[in-house]
Amino acid sequence: MRDTTTMVFLGRFVPESFAEFMRHRAARLSLEASFGTIGPERIEVEVGGDEDLIDMFEMACSLGPIDCLVLDIYREAQLR
């Protein structure tokens, strides 16, 4: 089933590094990703695609690149 959700990642980020990491993971999972806020403590991304793959994206990003630390993640569901 196709789903769209906004994920908010909170933590300590090197913004460019985490954004590139997310772009790469989204592409590998055939997901669409568009960024909102990208900062050193908060990153928002809208992700669209298969529900199970979005869950996998969240898991992969929770581990993040070595130079970033994810402390919390929450989702804001989107209706489309």
PDB file of N, CA and C in Angstrom:
ATOM      1  N   MET A   1       0.841  -1.180   0.000  1.00  0.00           N
ATOM      2  CA  MET A   1       0.000   0.000   0.000  1.00  0.00           C
ATOM      3  C   MET A   1       0.890   1.249   0.000  1.00  0.00           C
ATOM      4  N   ARG A   2       0.522   2.228  -0.802  1.00  0.00           N
ATOM      5  CA  ARG A   2       1.278   3.483  -0.882  1.00  0.00           C
ATOM      6  C   ARG A   2       0.897   4.383   0.286  1.00  0.00           C
ATOM      7  N   ASP A   3       1.908   4.994   0.867  1.00  0.00           N
ATOM      8  CA  ASP A   3       1.710   5.847   2.029  1.00  0.00           C
ATOM      9  C   ASP A   3       2.624   7.054   1.901  1.00  0.00           C
ATOM     10  N   THR A   4       2.242   8.129   2.566  1.00  0.00           N
ATOM     11  CA  THR A   4       3.099   9.316   2.664  1.00  0.00           C
ATOM     12  C   THR A   4       3.102   9.761   4.112  1.00  0.00           C
ATOM     13  N   THR A   5       4.288  10.041   4.621  1.00  0.00           N
ATOM     14  CA  THR A   5       4.411  10.492   5.998  1.00  0.00           C
ATOM     15  C   THR A   5       5.561  11.484   6.113  1.00  0.00           C
ATOM     16  N   THR A   6       5.468  12.362   7.084  1.00  0.00           N
ATOM     17  CA  THR A   6       6.570  13.261   7.399  1.00  0.00           C
ATOM     18  C   THR A   6       7.263  12.725   8.635  1.00  0.00           C
ATOM     19  N   MET A   7       8.567  12.513   8.530  1.00  0.00           N
ATOM     20  CA  MET A   7       9.364  12.055   9.659  1.00  0.00           C
ATOM     21  C   MET A   7      10.171  13.221  10.185  1.00  0.00           C
ATOM     22  N   VAL A   8      10.201  13.320  11.500  1.00  0.00           N
ATOM     23  CA  VAL A   8      10.990  14.352  12.159  1.00  0.00           C
ATOM     24  C   VAL A   8      12.060  13.641  12.984  1.00  0.00           C
ATOM     25  N   PHE A   9      13.305  13.927  12.675  1.00  0.00           N
ATOM     26  CA  PHE A   9      14.447  13.349  13.378  1.00  0.00           C
ATOM     27  C   PHE A   9      15.030  14.420  14.288  1.00  0.00           C
ATOM     28  N   LEU A  10      15.210  14.075  15.551  1.00  0.00           N
ATOM     29  CA  LEU A  10      15.808  14.977  16.526  1.00  0.00           C
ATOM     30  C   LEU A  10      17.122  14.368  16.997  1.00  0.00           C
ATOM     31  N   GLY A  11      18.120  15.209  17.165  1.00  0.00           N
ATOM     32  CA  GLY A  11      19.411  14.706  17.620  1.00  0.00           C
ATOM     33  C   GLY A  11      20.509  15.718  17.384  1.00  0.00           C
ATOM     34  N   ARG A  12      21.688  15.199  17.100  1.00  0.00           N
ATOM     35  CA  ARG A  12      22.852  16.036  16.802  1.00  0.00           C
ATOM     36  C   ARG A  12      23.356  15.628  15.422  1.00  0.00           C
ATOM     37  N   PHE A  13      23.211  16.552  14.464  1.00  0.00           N
ATOM     38  CA  PHE A  13      23.466  16.224  13.065  1.00  0.00           C
ATOM     39  C   PHE A  13      24.523  17.127  12.439  1.00  0.00           C
ATOM     40  N   VAL A  14      25.235  16.554  11.487  1.00  0.00           N
ATOM     41  CA  VAL A  14      25.956  17.315  10.479  1.00  0.00           C
ATOM     42  C   VAL A  14      24.947  17.322   9.328  1.00  0.00           C
ATOM     43  N   PRO A  15      24.216  18.429   9.157  1.00  0.00           N
ATOM     44  CA  PRO A  15      23.057  18.431   8.268  1.00  0.00           C
ATOM     45  C   PRO A  15      23.304  17.874   6.865  1.00  0.00           C
ATOM     46  N   GLU A  16      24.388  18.270   6.225  1.00  0.00           N
ATOM     47  CA  GLU A  16      24.664  17.808   4.869  1.00  0.00           C
ATOM     48  C   GLU A  16      24.900  16.300   4.844  1.00  0.00           C
ATOM     49  N   SER A  17      25.587  15.802   5.841  1.00  0.00           N
ATOM     50  CA  SER A  17      25.889  14.380   5.925  1.00  0.00           C
ATOM     51  C   SER A  17      24.621  13.557   6.109  1.00  0.00           C
ATOM     52  N   PHE A  18      23.762  13.985   7.027  1.00  0.00           N
ATOM     53  CA  PHE A  18      22.541  13.232   7.293  1.00  0.00           C
ATOM     54  C   PHE A  18      21.579  13.311   6.109  1.00  0.00           C
ATOM     55  N   ALA A  19      21.477  14.477   5.490  1.00  0.00           N
ATOM     56  CA  ALA A  19      20.594  14.626   4.321  1.00  0.00           C
ATOM     57  C   ALA A  19      21.047  13.721   3.182  1.00  0.00           C
ATOM     58  N   GLU A  20      22.330  13.661   2.915  1.00  0.00           N
ATOM     59  CA  GLU A  20      22.837  12.792   1.856  1.00  0.00           C
ATOM     60  C   GLU A  20      22.602  11.326   2.205  1.00  0.00           C
ATOM     61  N   PHE A  21      22.798  10.960   3.460  1.00  0.00           N
ATOM     62  CA  PHE A  21      22.532   9.602   3.929  1.00  0.00           C
ATOM     63  C   PHE A  21      21.064   9.239   3.674  1.00  0.00           C
ATOM     64  N   MET A  22      20.155  10.157   3.998  1.00  0.00           N
ATOM     65  CA  MET A  22      18.727   9.921   3.798  1.00  0.00           C
ATOM     66  C   MET A  22      18.386   9.806   2.312  1.00  0.00           C
ATOM     67  N   ARG A  23      18.958  10.664   1.483  1.00  0.00           N
ATOM     68  CA  ARG A  23      18.715  10.599   0.033  1.00  0.00           C
ATOM     69  C   ARG A  23      19.124   9.230  -0.520  1.00  0.00           C
ATOM     70  N   HIS A  24      20.285   8.780  -0.092  1.00  0.00           N
ATOM     71  CA  HIS A  24      20.808   7.496  -0.565  1.00  0.00           C
ATOM     72  C   HIS A  24      19.900   6.348  -0.125  1.00  0.00           C
ATOM     73  N   ARG A  25      19.478   6.344   1.135  1.00  0.00           N
ATOM     74  CA  ARG A  25      18.600   5.273   1.636  1.00  0.00           C
ATOM     75  C   ARG A  25      17.243   5.295   0.925  1.00  0.00           C
ATOM     76  N   ALA A  26      16.704   6.476   0.713  1.00  0.00           N
ATOM     77  CA  ALA A  26      15.421   6.581   0.014  1.00  0.00           C
ATOM     78  C   ALA A  26      15.533   6.021  -1.402  1.00  0.00           C
ATOM     79  N   ALA A  27      16.601   6.360  -2.093  1.00  0.00           N
ATOM     80  CA  ALA A  27      16.803   5.870  -3.458  1.00  0.00           C
ATOM     81  C   ALA A  27      16.938   4.349  -3.477  1.00  0.00           C
ATOM     82  N   ARG A  28      17.666   3.797  -2.539  1.00  0.00           N
ATOM     83  CA  ARG A  28      17.843   2.335  -2.481  1.00  0.00           C
ATOM     84  C   ARG A  28      16.525   1.615  -2.237  1.00  0.00           C
ATOM     85  N   LEU A  29      15.618   2.269  -1.509  1.00  0.00           N
ATOM     86  CA  LEU A  29      14.333   1.662  -1.187  1.00  0.00           C
ATOM     87  C   LEU A  29      13.220   2.084  -2.152  1.00  0.00           C
ATOM     88  N   SER A  30      13.577   2.795  -3.200  1.00  0.00           N
ATOM     89  CA  SER A  30      12.611   3.285  -4.207  1.00  0.00           C
ATOM     90  C   SER A  30      11.512   4.127  -3.561  1.00  0.00           C
ATOM     91  N   LEU A  31      11.918   5.017  -2.661  1.00  0.00           N
ATOM     92  CA  LEU A  31      11.000   5.935  -1.991  1.00  0.00           C
ATOM     93  C   LEU A  31      11.222   7.341  -2.515  1.00  0.00           C
ATOM     94  N   GLU A  32      10.181   8.144  -2.458  1.00  0.00           N
ATOM     95  CA  GLU A  32      10.302   9.570  -2.766  1.00  0.00           C
ATOM     96  C   GLU A  32      10.570  10.283  -1.454  1.00  0.00           C
ATOM     97  N   ALA A  33      11.505  11.221  -1.463  1.00  0.00           N
ATOM     98  CA  ALA A  33      11.826  11.972  -0.254  1.00  0.00           C
ATOM     99  C   ALA A  33      11.999  13.441  -0.598  1.00  0.00           C
ATOM    100  N   SER A  34      11.348  14.302   0.174  1.00  0.00           N
ATOM    101  CA  SER A  34      11.548  15.744   0.013  1.00  0.00           C
ATOM    102  C   SER A  34      11.755  16.333   1.402  1.00  0.00           C
ATOM    103  N   PHE A  35      12.742  17.206   1.496  1.00  0.00           N
ATOM    104  CA  PHE A  35      13.164  17.737   2.782  1.00  0.00           C
ATOM    105  C   PHE A  35      12.452  19.024   3.147  1.00  0.00           C
ATOM    106  N   GLY A  36      12.191  19.156   4.423  1.00  0.00           N
ATOM    107  CA  GLY A  36      11.677  20.394   5.006  1.00  0.00           C
ATOM    108  C   GLY A  36      12.833  21.037   5.747  1.00  0.00           C
ATOM    109  N   THR A  37      12.703  21.127   7.048  1.00  0.00           N
ATOM    110  CA  THR A  37      13.745  21.685   7.908  1.00  0.00           C
ATOM    111  C   THR A  37      14.965  20.785   7.908  1.00  0.00           C
ATOM    112  N   ILE A  38      16.145  21.382   7.716  1.00  0.00           N
ATOM    113  CA  ILE A  38      17.406  20.645   7.839  1.00  0.00           C
ATOM    114  C   ILE A  38      18.322  21.489   8.701  1.00  0.00           C
ATOM    115  N   GLY A  39      18.531  21.055   9.936  1.00  0.00           N
ATOM    116  CA  GLY A  39      19.366  21.812  10.861  1.00  0.00           C
ATOM    117  C   GLY A  39      20.202  20.888  11.718  1.00  0.00           C
ATOM    118  N   PRO A  40      21.031  21.450  12.586  1.00  0.00           N
ATOM    119  CA  PRO A  40      21.934  20.632  13.406  1.00  0.00           C
ATOM    120  C   PRO A  40      21.231  19.833  14.505  1.00  0.00           C
ATOM    121  N   GLU A  41      19.960  20.166  14.816  1.00  0.00           N
ATOM    122  CA  GLU A  41      19.246  19.439  15.867  1.00  0.00           C
ATOM    123  C   GLU A  41      17.912  18.856  15.410  1.00  0.00           C
ATOM    124  N   ARG A  42      17.469  19.213  14.200  1.00  0.00           N
ATOM    125  CA  ARG A  42      16.164  18.758  13.711  1.00  0.00           C
ATOM    126  C   ARG A  42      16.191  18.637  12.193  1.00  0.00           C
ATOM    127  N   ILE A  43      15.719  17.490  11.696  1.00  0.00           N
ATOM    128  CA  ILE A  43      15.617  17.279  10.255  1.00  0.00           C
ATOM    129  C   ILE A  43      14.247  16.692   9.962  1.00  0.00           C
ATOM    130  N   GLU A  44      13.539  17.310   9.013  1.00  0.00           N
ATOM    131  CA  GLU A  44      12.214  16.838   8.598  1.00  0.00           C
ATOM    132  C   GLU A  44      12.291  16.382   7.153  1.00  0.00           C
ATOM    133  N   VAL A  45      11.649  15.249   6.889  1.00  0.00           N
ATOM    134  CA  VAL A  45      11.614  14.722   5.533  1.00  0.00           C
ATOM    135  C   VAL A  45      10.247  14.096   5.291  1.00  0.00           C
ATOM    136  N   GLU A  46       9.665  14.394   4.135  1.00  0.00           N
ATOM    137  CA  GLU A  46       8.417  13.754   3.726  1.00  0.00           C
ATOM    138  C   GLU A  46       8.795  12.576   2.845  1.00  0.00           C
ATOM    139  N   VAL A  47       8.297  11.400   3.208  1.00  0.00           N
ATOM    140  CA  VAL A  47       8.652  10.162   2.519  1.00  0.00           C
ATOM    141  C   VAL A  47       7.391   9.522   1.960  1.00  0.00           C
ATOM    142  N   GLY A  48       7.447   9.104   0.691  1.00  0.00           N
ATOM    143  CA  GLY A  48       6.315   8.451   0.057  1.00  0.00           C
ATOM    144  C   GLY A  48       6.723   7.152  -0.592  1.00  0.00           C
ATOM    145  N   GLY A  49       5.862   6.151  -0.464  1.00  0.00           N
ATOM    146  CA  GLY A  49       6.126   4.863  -1.077  1.00  0.00           C
ATOM    147  C   GLY A  49       5.426   3.756  -0.315  1.00  0.00           C
ATOM    148  N   ASP A  50       5.903   2.554  -0.521  1.00  0.00           N
ATOM    149  CA  ASP A  50       5.352   1.384   0.150  1.00  0.00           C
ATOM    150  C   ASP A  50       5.531   1.505   1.670  1.00  0.00           C
ATOM    151  N   GLU A  51       4.460   1.188   2.395  1.00  0.00           N
ATOM    152  CA  GLU A  51       4.447   1.320   3.848  1.00  0.00           C
ATOM    153  C   GLU A  51       5.604   0.583   4.520  1.00  0.00           C
ATOM    154  N   ASP A  52       5.849  -0.653   4.104  1.00  0.00           N
ATOM    155  CA  ASP A  52       6.918  -1.451   4.708  1.00  0.00           C
ATOM    156  C   ASP A  52       8.293  -0.845   4.421  1.00  0.00           C
ATOM    157  N   LEU A  53       8.458  -0.299   3.229  1.00  0.00           N
ATOM    158  CA  LEU A  53       9.741   0.315   2.881  1.00  0.00           C
ATOM    159  C   LEU A  53       9.963   1.610   3.658  1.00  0.00           C
ATOM    160  N   ILE A  54       8.894   2.331   3.953  1.00  0.00           N
ATOM    161  CA  ILE A  54       9.017   3.535   4.785  1.00  0.00           C
ATOM    162  C   ILE A  54       9.486   3.137   6.185  1.00  0.00           C
ATOM    163  N   ASP A  55       8.971   2.038   6.708  1.00  0.00           N
ATOM    164  CA  ASP A  55       9.430   1.535   8.008  1.00  0.00           C
ATOM    165  C   ASP A  55      10.916   1.187   7.957  1.00  0.00           C
ATOM    166  N   MET A  56      11.346   0.570   6.852  1.00  0.00           N
ATOM    167  CA  MET A  56      12.760   0.229   6.697  1.00  0.00           C
ATOM    168  C   MET A  56      13.622   1.492   6.616  1.00  0.00           C
ATOM    169  N   PHE A  57      13.117   2.506   5.931  1.00  0.00           N
ATOM    170  CA  PHE A  57      13.818   3.786   5.833  1.00  0.00           C
ATOM    171  C   PHE A  57      14.015   4.379   7.224  1.00  0.00           C
ATOM    172  N   GLU A  58      12.959   4.362   8.028  1.00  0.00           N
ATOM    173  CA  GLU A  58      13.054   4.896   9.386  1.00  0.00           C
ATOM    174  C   GLU A  58      14.123   4.156  10.191  1.00  0.00           C
ATOM    175  N   MET A  59      14.129   2.842  10.092  1.00  0.00           N
ATOM    176  CA  MET A  59      15.114   2.047  10.824  1.00  0.00           C
ATOM    177  C   MET A  59      16.534   2.371  10.374  1.00  0.00           C
ATOM    178  N   ALA A  60      16.738   2.426   9.061  1.00  0.00           N
ATOM    179  CA  ALA A  60      18.068   2.723   8.534  1.00  0.00           C
ATOM    180  C   ALA A  60      18.537   4.101   8.986  1.00  0.00           C
ATOM    181  N   CYS A  61      17.636   5.083   8.926  1.00  0.00           N
ATOM    182  CA  CYS A  61      18.014   6.448   9.294  1.00  0.00           C
ATOM    183  C   CYS A  61      18.213   6.597  10.802  1.00  0.00           C
ATOM    184  N   SER A  62      17.554   5.768  11.597  1.00  0.00           N
ATOM    185  CA  SER A  62      17.745   5.847  13.046  1.00  0.00           C
ATOM    186  C   SER A  62      19.186   5.499  13.417  1.00  0.00           C
ATOM    187  N   LEU A  63      19.823   4.673  12.594  1.00  0.00           N
ATOM    188  CA  LEU A  63      21.227   4.335  12.817  1.00  0.00           C
ATOM    189  C   LEU A  63      22.135   5.432  12.288  1.00  0.00           C
ATOM    190  N   GLY A  64      21.715   6.056  11.212  1.00  0.00           N
ATOM    191  CA  GLY A  64      22.382   7.233  10.653  1.00  0.00           C
ATOM    192  C   GLY A  64      23.842   7.029  10.284  1.00  0.00           C
ATOM    193  N   PRO A  65      24.448   8.061   9.711  1.00  0.00           N
ATOM    194  CA  PRO A  65      25.885   8.026   9.429  1.00  0.00           C
ATOM    195  C   PRO A  65      26.662   8.194  10.743  1.00  0.00           C
ATOM    196  N   ILE A  66      27.912   7.841  10.723  1.00  0.00           N
ATOM    197  CA  ILE A  66      28.751   7.814  11.924  1.00  0.00           C
ATOM    198  C   ILE A  66      28.893   9.189  12.595  1.00  0.00           C
ATOM    199  N   ASP A  67      28.774  10.277  11.822  1.00  0.00           N
ATOM    200  CA  ASP A  67      28.976  11.609  12.380  1.00  0.00           C
ATOM    201  C   ASP A  67      27.693  12.261  12.897  1.00  0.00           C
ATOM    202  N   CYS A  68      26.605  11.488  12.986  1.00  0.00           N
ATOM    203  CA  CYS A  68      25.323  12.018  13.449  1.00  0.00           C
ATOM    204  C   CYS A  68      24.738  11.099  14.520  1.00  0.00           C
ATOM    205  N   LEU A  69      23.957  11.685  15.416  1.00  0.00           N
ATOM    206  CA  LEU A  69      23.327  10.924  16.487  1.00  0.00           C
ATOM    207  C   LEU A  69      21.835  11.225  16.507  1.00  0.00           C
ATOM    208  N   VAL A  70      21.025  10.209  16.223  1.00  0.00           N
ATOM    209  CA  VAL A  70      19.573  10.349  16.273  1.00  0.00           C
ATOM    210  C   VAL A  70      19.118  10.011  17.684  1.00  0.00           C
ATOM    211  N   LEU A  71      18.437  10.971  18.330  1.00  0.00           N
ATOM    212  CA  LEU A  71      17.944  10.764  19.686  1.00  0.00           C
ATOM    213  C   LEU A  71      16.463  10.411  19.711  1.00  0.00           C
ATOM    214  N   ASP A  72      15.698  10.879  18.723  1.00  0.00           N
ATOM    215  CA  ASP A  72      14.262  10.608  18.694  1.00  0.00           C
ATOM    216  C   ASP A  72      13.741  10.774  17.269  1.00  0.00           C
ATOM    217  N   ILE A  73      12.655  10.054  16.965  1.00  0.00           N
ATOM    218  CA  ILE A  73      11.992  10.132  15.660  1.00  0.00           C
ATOM    219  C   ILE A  73      10.498  10.106  15.919  1.00  0.00           C
ATOM    220  N   TYR A  74       9.786  10.964  15.213  1.00  0.00           N
ATOM    221  CA  TYR A  74       8.326  10.824  15.227  1.00  0.00           C
ATOM    222  C   TYR A  74       7.789  11.109  13.844  1.00  0.00           C
ATOM    223  N   ARG A  75       6.559  10.635  13.615  1.00  0.00           N
ATOM    224  CA  ARG A  75       5.918  10.761  12.307  1.00  0.00           C
ATOM    225  C   ARG A  75       4.668  11.616  12.392  1.00  0.00           C
ATOM    226  N   GLU A  76       4.435  12.322  11.303  1.00  0.00           N
ATOM    227  CA  GLU A  76       3.196  13.070  11.123  1.00  0.00           C
ATOM    228  C   GLU A  76       2.568  12.529   9.851  1.00  0.00           C
ATOM    229  N   ALA A  77       1.469  11.778   9.968  1.00  0.00           N
ATOM    230  CA  ALA A  77       0.820  11.165   8.802  1.00  0.00           C
ATOM    231  C   ALA A  77       0.255  12.224   7.877  1.00  0.00           C
ATOM    232  N   GLN A  78       0.315  11.963   6.589  1.00  0.00           N
ATOM    233  CA  GLN A  78      -0.213  12.852   5.563  1.00  0.00           C
ATOM    234  C   GLN A  78      -1.350  12.143   4.856  1.00  0.00           C
ATOM    235  N   LEU A  79      -2.386  12.856   4.510  1.00  0.00           N
ATOM    236  CA  LEU A  79      -3.486  12.280   3.742  1.00  0.00           C
ATOM    237  C   LEU A  79      -3.342  12.695   2.294  1.00  0.00           C
ATOM    238  N   ARG A  80      -3.440  11.752   1.369  1.00  0.00           N
ATOM    239  CA  ARG A  80      -3.347  12.052  -0.068  1.00  0.00           C
ATOM    240  C   ARG A  80      -4.242  11.154  -0.815  1.00  0.00           C
TER     241      ARG A  80
END
